[in-house]
């Protein structure tokens, strides 16, 4: 009996030997698409000066970035903004991979 995974519905070549490649590609695709959507909404500075009343994707990104940066400043100190792009990207990627692994079939 084979283990079930959602990617086997797309292709027969996905099995337990290479599912990590497809899972990682899906996480990268999810990050890229959500980043493009947030970037398109953040382009207009005049509209973003006052945040919307509801939770939106750009607001979620702002919360995540501020929390990661404040955590890094507590650990690294004043050099945190210098290392933020690398550590922040790795943190978001690993967090999404771990959250995806909680869902059955991934």
PDB file of N, CA and C in Angstrom:
ATOM      1  N   UNK A   1       0.844  -1.177   0.000  1.00  0.00           N
ATOM      2  CA  UNK A   1       0.000   0.000   0.000  1.00  0.00           C
ATOM      3  C   UNK A   1       0.890   1.241   0.000  1.00  0.00           C
ATOM      4  N   UNK A   2       0.533   2.193  -0.830  1.00  0.00           N
ATOM      5  CA  UNK A   2       1.315   3.416  -0.954  1.00  0.00           C
ATOM      6  C   UNK A   2       0.700   4.533  -0.113  1.00  0.00           C
ATOM      7  N   UNK A   3       1.553   5.425   0.336  1.00  0.00           N
ATOM      8  CA  UNK A   3       1.080   6.584   1.074  1.00  0.00           C
ATOM      9  C   UNK A   3       0.383   7.546   0.125  1.00  0.00           C
ATOM     10  N   UNK A   4      -0.658   8.189   0.629  1.00  0.00           N
ATOM     11  CA  UNK A   4      -1.386   9.169  -0.180  1.00  0.00           C
ATOM     12  C   UNK A   4      -0.687  10.509  -0.108  1.00  0.00           C
ATOM     13  N   UNK A   5      -0.590  11.196  -1.242  1.00  0.00           N
ATOM     14  CA  UNK A   5      -0.177  12.582  -1.267  1.00  0.00           C
ATOM     15  C   UNK A   5      -0.961  13.292  -2.358  1.00  0.00           C
ATOM     16  N   UNK A   6      -1.167  14.565  -2.181  1.00  0.00           N
ATOM     17  CA  UNK A   6      -1.976  15.338  -3.119  1.00  0.00           C
ATOM     18  C   UNK A   6      -1.300  15.476  -4.470  1.00  0.00           C
ATOM     19  N   UNK A   7       0.015  15.433  -4.513  1.00  0.00           N
ATOM     20  CA  UNK A   7       0.727  15.603  -5.775  1.00  0.00           C
ATOM     21  C   UNK A   7       0.584  14.396  -6.688  1.00  0.00           C
ATOM     22  N   UNK A   8       0.260  13.236  -6.130  1.00  0.00           N
ATOM     23  CA  UNK A   8       0.071  12.053  -6.967  1.00  0.00           C
ATOM     24  C   UNK A   8      -1.170  12.177  -7.836  1.00  0.00           C
ATOM     25  N   UNK A   9      -2.076  13.083  -7.493  1.00  0.00           N
ATOM     26  CA  UNK A   9      -3.236  13.335  -8.338  1.00  0.00           C
ATOM     27  C   UNK A   9      -2.858  14.086  -9.601  1.00  0.00           C
ATOM     28  N   UNK A  10      -1.743  14.817  -9.561  1.00  0.00           N
ATOM     29  CA  UNK A  10      -1.288  15.590 -10.713  1.00  0.00           C
ATOM     30  C   UNK A  10      -0.438  14.732 -11.643  1.00  0.00           C
ATOM     31  N   UNK A  11       0.474  13.964 -11.065  1.00  0.00           N
ATOM     32  CA  UNK A  11       1.388  13.170 -11.877  1.00  0.00           C
ATOM     33  C   UNK A  11       1.668  11.841 -11.181  1.00  0.00           C
ATOM     34  N   UNK A  12       1.902  10.820 -11.976  1.00  0.00           N
ATOM     35  CA  UNK A  12       2.248   9.507 -11.421  1.00  0.00           C
ATOM     36  C   UNK A  12       3.705   9.425 -10.991  1.00  0.00           C
ATOM     37  N   UNK A  13       4.505  10.389 -11.388  1.00  0.00           N
ATOM     38  CA  UNK A  13       5.933  10.378 -11.063  1.00  0.00           C
ATOM     39  C   UNK A  13       6.239  10.837  -9.642  1.00  0.00           C
ATOM     40  N   UNK A  14       5.263  11.392  -8.969  1.00  0.00           N
ATOM     41  CA  UNK A  14       5.470  11.875  -7.601  1.00  0.00           C
ATOM     42  C   UNK A  14       5.246  10.715  -6.645  1.00  0.00           C
ATOM     43  N   UNK A  15       6.271  10.386  -5.882  1.00  0.00           N
ATOM     44  CA  UNK A  15       6.158   9.336  -4.874  1.00  0.00           C
ATOM     45  C   UNK A  15       6.900   9.779  -3.621  1.00  0.00           C
ATOM     46  N   UNK A  16       7.115   8.885  -2.697  1.00  0.00           N
ATOM     47  CA  UNK A  16       7.747   9.268  -1.435  1.00  0.00           C
ATOM     48  C   UNK A  16       9.228   9.593  -1.587  1.00  0.00           C
ATOM     49  N   UNK A  17       9.814   9.295  -2.748  1.00  0.00           N
ATOM     50  CA  UNK A  17      11.227   9.620  -2.964  1.00  0.00           C
ATOM     51  C   UNK A  17      11.446  11.076  -3.357  1.00  0.00           C
ATOM     52  N   UNK A  18      10.492  11.671  -4.046  1.00  0.00           N
ATOM     53  CA  UNK A  18      10.704  13.031  -4.542  1.00  0.00           C
ATOM     54  C   UNK A  18       9.594  14.011  -4.168  1.00  0.00           C
ATOM     55  N   UNK A  19       8.766  13.683  -3.208  1.00  0.00           N
ATOM     56  CA  UNK A  19       7.684  14.597  -2.832  1.00  0.00           C
ATOM     57  C   UNK A  19       8.220  15.880  -2.204  1.00  0.00           C
ATOM     58  N   UNK A  20       9.377  15.832  -1.568  1.00  0.00           N
ATOM     59  CA  UNK A  20       9.938  17.032  -0.946  1.00  0.00           C
ATOM     60  C   UNK A  20      10.259  18.100  -1.984  1.00  0.00           C
ATOM     61  N   UNK A  21      10.607  17.700  -3.194  1.00  0.00           N
ATOM     62  CA  UNK A  21      10.892  18.664  -4.256  1.00  0.00           C
ATOM     63  C   UNK A  21       9.616  19.401  -4.648  1.00  0.00           C
ATOM     64  N   UNK A  22       8.527  18.670  -4.814  1.00  0.00           N
ATOM     65  CA  UNK A  22       7.265  19.291  -5.190  1.00  0.00           C
ATOM     66  C   UNK A  22       6.705  20.141  -4.062  1.00  0.00           C
ATOM     67  N   UNK A  23       6.873  19.714  -2.837  1.00  0.00           N
ATOM     68  CA  UNK A  23       6.405  20.510  -1.697  1.00  0.00           C
ATOM     69  C   UNK A  23       7.179  21.821  -1.595  1.00  0.00           C
ATOM     70  N   UNK A  24       8.480  21.759  -1.784  1.00  0.00           N
ATOM     71  CA  UNK A  24       9.299  22.976  -1.734  1.00  0.00           C
ATOM     72  C   UNK A  24       8.949  23.919  -2.876  1.00  0.00           C
ATOM     73  N   UNK A  25       8.719  23.356  -4.055  1.00  0.00           N
ATOM     74  CA  UNK A  25       8.342  24.191  -5.197  1.00  0.00           C
ATOM     75  C   UNK A  25       6.993  24.863  -4.956  1.00  0.00           C
ATOM     76  N   UNK A  26       6.075  24.164  -4.320  1.00  0.00           N
ATOM     77  CA  UNK A  26       4.776  24.750  -4.032  1.00  0.00           C
ATOM     78  C   UNK A  26       4.891  25.881  -3.009  1.00  0.00           C
ATOM     79  N   UNK A  27       5.750  25.713  -2.016  1.00  0.00           N
ATOM     80  CA  UNK A  27       5.949  26.774  -1.023  1.00  0.00           C
ATOM     81  C   UNK A  27       6.584  27.998  -1.670  1.00  0.00           C
ATOM     82  N   UNK A  28       7.572  27.787  -2.525  1.00  0.00           N
ATOM     83  CA  UNK A  28       8.220  28.908  -3.215  1.00  0.00           C
ATOM     84  C   UNK A  28       7.216  29.624  -4.116  1.00  0.00           C
ATOM     85  N   UNK A  29       6.381  28.861  -4.813  1.00  0.00           N
ATOM     86  CA  UNK A  29       5.351  29.454  -5.662  1.00  0.00           C
ATOM     87  C   UNK A  29       4.347  30.243  -4.837  1.00  0.00           C
ATOM     88  N   UNK A  30       3.955  29.724  -3.695  1.00  0.00           N
ATOM     89  CA  UNK A  30       3.034  30.430  -2.805  1.00  0.00           C
ATOM     90  C   UNK A  30       3.641  31.741  -2.303  1.00  0.00           C
ATOM     91  N   UNK A  31       4.908  31.703  -1.925  1.00  0.00           N
ATOM     92  CA  UNK A  31       5.588  32.922  -1.460  1.00  0.00           C
ATOM     93  C   UNK A  31       5.697  33.938  -2.587  1.00  0.00           C
ATOM     94  N   UNK A  32       6.050  33.484  -3.789  1.00  0.00           N
ATOM     95  CA  UNK A  32       6.208  34.398  -4.911  1.00  0.00           C
ATOM     96  C   UNK A  32       4.885  35.054  -5.296  1.00  0.00           C
ATOM     97  N   UNK A  33       3.826  34.279  -5.373  1.00  0.00           N
ATOM     98  CA  UNK A  33       2.524  34.845  -5.758  1.00  0.00           C
ATOM     99  C   UNK A  33       2.010  35.814  -4.706  1.00  0.00           C
ATOM    100  N   UNK A  34       2.093  35.432  -3.431  1.00  0.00           N
ATOM    101  CA  UNK A  34       1.605  36.338  -2.382  1.00  0.00           C
ATOM    102  C   UNK A  34       2.468  37.598  -2.281  1.00  0.00           C
ATOM    103  N   UNK A  35       3.765  37.481  -2.554  1.00  0.00           N
ATOM    104  CA  UNK A  35       4.629  38.665  -2.548  1.00  0.00           C
ATOM    105  C   UNK A  35       4.289  39.609  -3.686  1.00  0.00           C
ATOM    106  N   UNK A  36       3.998  39.057  -4.856  1.00  0.00           N
ATOM    107  CA  UNK A  36       3.609  39.907  -5.985  1.00  0.00           C
ATOM    108  C   UNK A  36       2.281  40.609  -5.727  1.00  0.00           C
ATOM    109  N   UNK A  37       1.332  39.906  -5.131  1.00  0.00           N
ATOM    110  CA  UNK A  37       0.047  40.524  -4.811  1.00  0.00           C
ATOM    111  C   UNK A  37       0.239  41.643  -3.785  1.00  0.00           C
ATOM    112  N   UNK A  38       1.025  41.391  -2.761  1.00  0.00           N
ATOM    113  CA  UNK A  38       1.273  42.421  -1.743  1.00  0.00           C
ATOM    114  C   UNK A  38       2.048  43.594  -2.329  1.00  0.00           C
ATOM    115  N   UNK A  39       3.015  43.322  -3.204  1.00  0.00           N
ATOM    116  CA  UNK A  39       3.799  44.395  -3.820  1.00  0.00           C
ATOM    117  C   UNK A  39       2.911  45.286  -4.683  1.00  0.00           C
ATOM    118  N   UNK A  40       2.000  44.683  -5.423  1.00  0.00           N
ATOM    119  CA  UNK A  40       1.099  45.479  -6.264  1.00  0.00           C
ATOM    120  C   UNK A  40       0.229  46.393  -5.421  1.00  0.00           C
ATOM    121  N   UNK A  41      -0.179  45.925  -4.252  1.00  0.00           N
ATOM    122  CA  UNK A  41      -1.008  46.755  -3.386  1.00  0.00           C
ATOM    123  C   UNK A  41      -0.198  47.799  -2.635  1.00  0.00           C
ATOM    124  N   UNK A  42       1.087  47.554  -2.431  1.00  0.00           N
ATOM    125  CA  UNK A  42       1.932  48.501  -1.694  1.00  0.00           C
ATOM    126  C   UNK A  42       2.594  49.530  -2.594  1.00  0.00           C
ATOM    127  N   UNK A  43       2.425  49.413  -3.913  1.00  0.00           N
ATOM    128  CA  UNK A  43       3.070  50.354  -4.838  1.00  0.00           C
ATOM    129  C   UNK A  43       2.576  51.775  -4.639  1.00  0.00           C
ATOM    130  N   UNK A  44       1.310  51.948  -4.417  1.00  0.00           N
ATOM    131  CA  UNK A  44       0.733  53.277  -4.275  1.00  0.00           C
ATOM    132  C   UNK A  44       0.885  53.739  -2.835  1.00  0.00           C
ATOM    133  N   UNK A  45       1.874  54.578  -2.601  1.00  0.00           N
ATOM    134  CA  UNK A  45       2.224  55.007  -1.254  1.00  0.00           C
ATOM    135  C   UNK A  45       1.103  55.836  -0.627  1.00  0.00           C
ATOM    136  N   UNK A  46       0.449  56.663  -1.439  1.00  0.00           N
ATOM    137  CA  UNK A  46      -0.584  57.525  -0.893  1.00  0.00           C
ATOM    138  C   UNK A  46      -1.734  56.720  -0.293  1.00  0.00           C
ATOM    139  N   UNK A  47      -2.065  55.579  -0.913  1.00  0.00           N
ATOM    140  CA  UNK A  47      -3.152  54.766  -0.405  1.00  0.00           C
ATOM    141  C   UNK A  47      -2.742  53.962   0.831  1.00  0.00           C
ATOM    142  N   UNK A  48      -1.476  53.723   1.024  1.00  0.00           N
ATOM    143  CA  UNK A  48      -0.997  52.876   2.119  1.00  0.00           C
ATOM    144  C   UNK A  48      -0.635  53.662   3.370  1.00  0.00           C
ATOM    145  N   UNK A  49      -0.737  54.987   3.340  1.00  0.00           N
ATOM    146  CA  UNK A  49      -0.400  55.764   4.531  1.00  0.00           C
ATOM    147  C   UNK A  49      -1.353  55.464   5.680  1.00  0.00           C
ATOM    148  N   UNK A  50      -2.622  55.296   5.368  1.00  0.00           N
ATOM    149  CA  UNK A  50      -3.611  54.936   6.374  1.00  0.00           C
ATOM    150  C   UNK A  50      -4.011  53.488   6.102  1.00  0.00           C
ATOM    151  N   UNK A  51      -3.757  52.583   7.056  1.00  0.00           N
ATOM    152  CA  UNK A  51      -4.084  51.172   6.809  1.00  0.00           C
ATOM    153  C   UNK A  51      -5.593  50.948   6.731  1.00  0.00           C
ATOM    154  N   UNK A  52      -5.960  49.907   6.017  1.00  0.00           N
ATOM    155  CA  UNK A  52      -7.372  49.555   5.886  1.00  0.00           C
ATOM    156  C   UNK A  52      -7.899  49.034   7.221  1.00  0.00           C
ATOM    157  N   UNK A  53      -9.200  49.052   7.382  1.00  0.00           N
ATOM    158  CA  UNK A  53      -9.816  48.620   8.623  1.00  0.00           C
ATOM    159  C   UNK A  53      -9.800  47.119   8.826  1.00  0.00           C
ATOM    160  N   UNK A  54      -9.680  46.368   7.736  1.00  0.00           N
ATOM    161  CA  UNK A  54      -9.674  44.910   7.841  1.00  0.00           C
ATOM    162  C   UNK A  54      -8.269  44.375   7.593  1.00  0.00           C
ATOM    163  N   UNK A  55      -8.071  43.102   7.905  1.00  0.00           N
ATOM    164  CA  UNK A  55      -6.765  42.470   7.709  1.00  0.00           C
ATOM    165  C   UNK A  55      -6.612  42.089   6.237  1.00  0.00           C
ATOM    166  N   UNK A  56      -5.570  42.617   5.606  1.00  0.00           N
ATOM    167  CA  UNK A  56      -5.281  42.309   4.209  1.00  0.00           C
ATOM    168  C   UNK A  56      -3.901  41.669   4.119  1.00  0.00           C
ATOM    169  N   UNK A  57      -3.551  41.175   2.936  1.00  0.00           N
ATOM    170  CA  UNK A  57      -2.253  40.538   2.744  1.00  0.00           C
ATOM    171  C   UNK A  57      -1.084  41.500   3.013  1.00  0.00           C
ATOM    172  N   UNK A  58      -1.129  42.749   2.522  1.00  0.00           N
ATOM    173  CA  UNK A  58      -0.034  43.671   2.879  1.00  0.00           C
ATOM    174  C   UNK A  58       0.076  43.930   4.376  1.00  0.00           C
ATOM    175  N   UNK A  59      -1.070  44.024   5.056  1.00  0.00           N
ATOM    176  CA  UNK A  59      -1.031  44.218   6.517  1.00  0.00           C
ATOM    177  C   UNK A  59      -0.419  43.009   7.206  1.00  0.00           C
ATOM    178  N   UNK A  60      -0.740  41.816   6.731  1.00  0.00           N
ATOM    179  CA  UNK A  60      -0.166  40.602   7.293  1.00  0.00           C
ATOM    180  C   UNK A  60       1.348  40.582   7.100  1.00  0.00           C
ATOM    181  N   UNK A  61       1.805  40.969   5.903  1.00  0.00           N
ATOM    182  CA  UNK A  61       3.240  41.041   5.656  1.00  0.00           C
ATOM    183  C   UNK A  61       3.929  42.049   6.567  1.00  0.00           C
ATOM    184  N   UNK A  62       3.287  43.194   6.792  1.00  0.00           N
ATOM    185  CA  UNK A  62       3.879  44.194   7.673  1.00  0.00           C
ATOM    186  C   UNK A  62       4.023  43.667   9.097  1.00  0.00           C
ATOM    187  N   UNK A  63       3.017  42.962   9.569  1.00  0.00           N
ATOM    188  CA  UNK A  63       3.064  42.397  10.920  1.00  0.00           C
ATOM    189  C   UNK A  63       4.186  41.367  11.020  1.00  0.00           C
ATOM    190  N   UNK A  64       4.291  40.482  10.027  1.00  0.00           N
ATOM    191  CA  UNK A  64       5.324  39.442  10.035  1.00  0.00           C
ATOM    192  C   UNK A  64       6.714  40.060   9.994  1.00  0.00           C
ATOM    193  N   UNK A  65       6.902  41.040   9.105  1.00  0.00           N
ATOM    194  CA  UNK A  65       8.221  41.671   8.971  1.00  0.00           C
ATOM    195  C   UNK A  65       8.617  42.403  10.242  1.00  0.00           C
ATOM    196  N   UNK A  66       7.696  43.139  10.824  1.00  0.00           N
ATOM    197  CA  UNK A  66       8.007  43.865  12.062  1.00  0.00           C
ATOM    198  C   UNK A  66       8.346  42.914  13.206  1.00  0.00           C
ATOM    199  N   UNK A  67       7.624  41.811  13.313  1.00  0.00           N
ATOM    200  CA  UNK A  67       7.910  40.865  14.391  1.00  0.00           C
ATOM    201  C   UNK A  67       9.251  40.164  14.193  1.00  0.00           C
ATOM    202  N   UNK A  68       9.555  39.774  12.972  1.00  0.00           N
ATOM    203  CA  UNK A  68      10.846  39.124  12.713  1.00  0.00           C
ATOM    204  C   UNK A  68      11.988  40.100  12.964  1.00  0.00           C
ATOM    205  N   UNK A  69      11.822  41.341  12.508  1.00  0.00           N
ATOM    206  CA  UNK A  69      12.885  42.334  12.705  1.00  0.00           C
ATOM    207  C   UNK A  69      13.082  42.660  14.185  1.00  0.00           C
ATOM    208  N   UNK A  70      12.011  42.770  14.943  1.00  0.00           N
ATOM    209  CA  UNK A  70      12.181  43.058  16.374  1.00  0.00           C
ATOM    210  C   UNK A  70      12.820  41.874  17.098  1.00  0.00           C
ATOM    211  N   UNK A  71      12.484  40.656  16.696  1.00  0.00           N
ATOM    212  CA  UNK A  71      13.133  39.481  17.278  1.00  0.00           C
ATOM    213  C   UNK A  71      14.630  39.477  16.959  1.00  0.00           C
ATOM    214  N   UNK A  72      14.965  39.804  15.714  1.00  0.00           N
ATOM    215  CA  UNK A  72      16.375  39.836  15.318  1.00  0.00           C
ATOM    216  C   UNK A  72      17.134  40.947  16.035  1.00  0.00           C
ATOM    217  N   UNK A  73      16.499  42.104  16.223  1.00  0.00           N
ATOM    218  CA  UNK A  73      17.169  43.201  16.939  1.00  0.00           C
ATOM    219  C   UNK A  73      17.432  42.827  18.387  1.00  0.00           C
ATOM    220  N   UNK A  74      16.570  42.034  18.976  1.00  0.00           N
ATOM    221  CA  UNK A  74      16.794  41.577  20.342  1.00  0.00           C
ATOM    222  C   UNK A  74      17.961  40.608  20.440  1.00  0.00           C
ATOM    223  N   UNK A  75      18.207  39.859  19.375  1.00  0.00           N
ATOM    224  CA  UNK A  75      19.277  38.862  19.392  1.00  0.00           C
ATOM    225  C   UNK A  75      20.577  39.426  18.823  1.00  0.00           C
ATOM    226  N   UNK A  76      20.504  40.041  17.631  1.00  0.00           N
ATOM    227  CA  UNK A  76      21.713  40.504  16.933  1.00  0.00           C
ATOM    228  C   UNK A  76      22.136  41.891  17.399  1.00  0.00           C
ATOM    229  N   UNK A  77      21.154  42.754  17.638  1.00  0.00           N
ATOM    230  CA  UNK A  77      21.475  44.122  18.026  1.00  0.00           C
ATOM    231  C   UNK A  77      21.232  45.079  16.871  1.00  0.00           C
ATOM    232  N   UNK A  78      22.056  46.118  16.782  1.00  0.00           N
ATOM    233  CA  UNK A  78      21.837  47.161  15.782  1.00  0.00           C
ATOM    234  C   UNK A  78      22.176  46.720  14.358  1.00  0.00           C
ATOM    235  N   UNK A  79      22.815  45.576  14.176  1.00  0.00           N
ATOM    236  CA  UNK A  79      23.132  45.070  12.837  1.00  0.00           C
ATOM    237  C   UNK A  79      21.999  44.232  12.235  1.00  0.00           C
ATOM    238  N   UNK A  80      20.866  44.142  12.890  1.00  0.00           N
ATOM    239  CA  UNK A  80      19.770  43.293  12.424  1.00  0.00           C
ATOM    240  C   UNK A  80      19.256  43.675  11.037  1.00  0.00           C
ATOM    241  N   UNK A  81      19.064  44.963  10.704  1.00  0.00           N
ATOM    242  CA  UNK A  81      18.578  45.270   9.355  1.00  0.00           C
ATOM    243  C   UNK A  81      19.528  44.812   8.240  1.00  0.00           C
ATOM    244  N   UNK A  82      20.800  44.703   8.547  1.00  0.00           N
ATOM    245  CA  UNK A  82      21.769  44.257   7.550  1.00  0.00           C
ATOM    246  C   UNK A  82      21.531  42.787   7.186  1.00  0.00           C
ATOM    247  N   UNK A  83      21.191  41.958   8.154  1.00  0.00           N
ATOM    248  CA  UNK A  83      21.004  40.527   7.925  1.00  0.00           C
ATOM    249  C   UNK A  83      19.541  40.129   7.749  1.00  0.00           C
ATOM    250  N   UNK A  84      18.635  41.108   7.828  1.00  0.00           N
ATOM    251  CA  UNK A  84      17.209  40.798   7.759  1.00  0.00           C
ATOM    252  C   UNK A  84      16.775  40.121   6.457  1.00  0.00           C
ATOM    253  N   UNK A  85      17.208  40.556   5.279  1.00  0.00           N
ATOM    254  CA  UNK A  85      16.717  39.891   4.059  1.00  0.00           C
ATOM    255  C   UNK A  85      17.002  38.393   4.034  1.00  0.00           C
ATOM    256  N   UNK A  86      18.174  37.984   4.426  1.00  0.00           N
ATOM    257  CA  UNK A  86      18.528  36.563   4.402  1.00  0.00           C
ATOM    258  C   UNK A  86      17.794  35.785   5.491  1.00  0.00           C
ATOM    259  N   UNK A  87      17.881  36.251   6.717  1.00  0.00           N
ATOM    260  CA  UNK A  87      17.277  35.522   7.832  1.00  0.00           C
ATOM    261  C   UNK A  87      15.755  35.569   7.744  1.00  0.00           C
ATOM    262  N   UNK A  88      15.199  36.693   7.329  1.00  0.00           N
ATOM    263  CA  UNK A  88      13.745  36.796   7.187  1.00  0.00           C
ATOM    264  C   UNK A  88      13.203  35.873   6.114  1.00  0.00           C
ATOM    265  N   UNK A  89      13.888  35.794   4.973  1.00  0.00           N
ATOM    266  CA  UNK A  89      13.442  34.908   3.896  1.00  0.00           C
ATOM    267  C   UNK A  89      13.540  33.448   4.323  1.00  0.00           C
ATOM    268  N   UNK A  90      14.614  33.080   4.988  1.00  0.00           N
ATOM    269  CA  UNK A  90      14.746  31.707   5.473  1.00  0.00           C
ATOM    270  C   UNK A  90      13.684  31.383   6.518  1.00  0.00           C
ATOM    271  N   UNK A  91      13.395  32.331   7.398  1.00  0.00           N
ATOM    272  CA  UNK A  91      12.382  32.114   8.427  1.00  0.00           C
ATOM    273  C   UNK A  91      11.006  31.878   7.815  1.00  0.00           C
ATOM    274  N   UNK A  92      10.622  32.709   6.849  1.00  0.00           N
ATOM    275  CA  UNK A  92       9.310  32.568   6.219  1.00  0.00           C
ATOM    276  C   UNK A  92       9.229  31.265   5.441  1.00  0.00           C
ATOM    277  N   UNK A  93      10.298  30.901   4.723  1.00  0.00           N
ATOM    278  CA  UNK A  93      10.300  29.658   3.947  1.00  0.00           C
ATOM    279  C   UNK A  93      10.176  28.431   4.872  1.00  0.00           C
ATOM    280  N   UNK A  94      10.960  28.397   5.918  1.00  0.00           N
ATOM    281  CA  UNK A  94      10.915  27.256   6.843  1.00  0.00           C
ATOM    282  C   UNK A  94       9.579  27.203   7.581  1.00  0.00           C
ATOM    283  N   UNK A  95       9.050  28.355   7.965  1.00  0.00           N
ATOM    284  CA  UNK A  95       7.749  28.383   8.630  1.00  0.00           C
ATOM    285  C   UNK A  95       6.655  27.829   7.723  1.00  0.00           C
ATOM    286  N   UNK A  96       6.623  28.254   6.466  1.00  0.00           N
ATOM    287  CA  UNK A  96       5.595  27.760   5.554  1.00  0.00           C
ATOM    288  C   UNK A  96       5.775  26.281   5.238  1.00  0.00           C
ATOM    289  N   UNK A  97       6.999  25.810   5.126  1.00  0.00           N
ATOM    290  CA  UNK A  97       7.230  24.375   4.915  1.00  0.00           C
ATOM    291  C   UNK A  97       6.725  23.567   6.107  1.00  0.00           C
ATOM    292  N   UNK A  98       6.974  24.040   7.304  1.00  0.00           N
ATOM    293  CA  UNK A  98       6.501  23.329   8.494  1.00  0.00           C
ATOM    294  C   UNK A  98       4.988  23.372   8.627  1.00  0.00           C
ATOM    295  N   UNK A  99       4.373  24.503   8.272  1.00  0.00           N
ATOM    296  CA  UNK A  99       2.917  24.581   8.328  1.00  0.00           C
ATOM    297  C   UNK A  99       2.277  23.690   7.264  1.00  0.00           C
ATOM    298  N   UNK A 100       2.916  23.570   6.112  1.00  0.00           N
ATOM    299  CA  UNK A 100       2.399  22.701   5.059  1.00  0.00           C
ATOM    300  C   UNK A 100       2.495  21.240   5.461  1.00  0.00           C
ATOM    301  N   UNK A 101       3.506  20.888   6.211  1.00  0.00           N
ATOM    302  CA  UNK A 101       3.684  19.488   6.590  1.00  0.00           C
ATOM    303  C   UNK A 101       2.643  19.031   7.622  1.00  0.00           C
ATOM    304  N   UNK A 102       1.950  19.969   8.239  1.00  0.00           N
ATOM    305  CA  UNK A 102       0.904  19.618   9.194  1.00  0.00           C
ATOM    306  C   UNK A 102      -0.340  19.118   8.467  1.00  0.00           C
ATOM    307  N   UNK A 103      -0.555  19.578   7.234  1.00  0.00           N
ATOM    308  CA  UNK A 103      -1.733  19.188   6.452  1.00  0.00           C
ATOM    309  C   UNK A 103      -1.531  17.757   5.947  1.00  0.00           C
ATOM    310  N   UNK A 104      -2.474  16.882   6.161  1.00  0.00           N
ATOM    311  CA  UNK A 104      -2.322  15.489   5.693  1.00  0.00           C
ATOM    312  C   UNK A 104      -2.229  15.424   4.150  1.00  0.00           C
ATOM    313  N   UNK A 105      -1.320  14.603   3.674  1.00  0.00           N
ATOM    314  CA  UNK A 105      -1.151  14.434   2.245  1.00  0.00           C
ATOM    315  C   UNK A 105      -0.037  15.259   1.649  1.00  0.00           C
ATOM    316  N   UNK A 106       0.613  16.105   2.449  1.00  0.00           N
ATOM    317  CA  UNK A 106       1.733  16.896   1.952  1.00  0.00           C
ATOM    318  C   UNK A 106       2.953  16.380   2.630  1.00  0.00           C
TER     319      UNK A 106
END
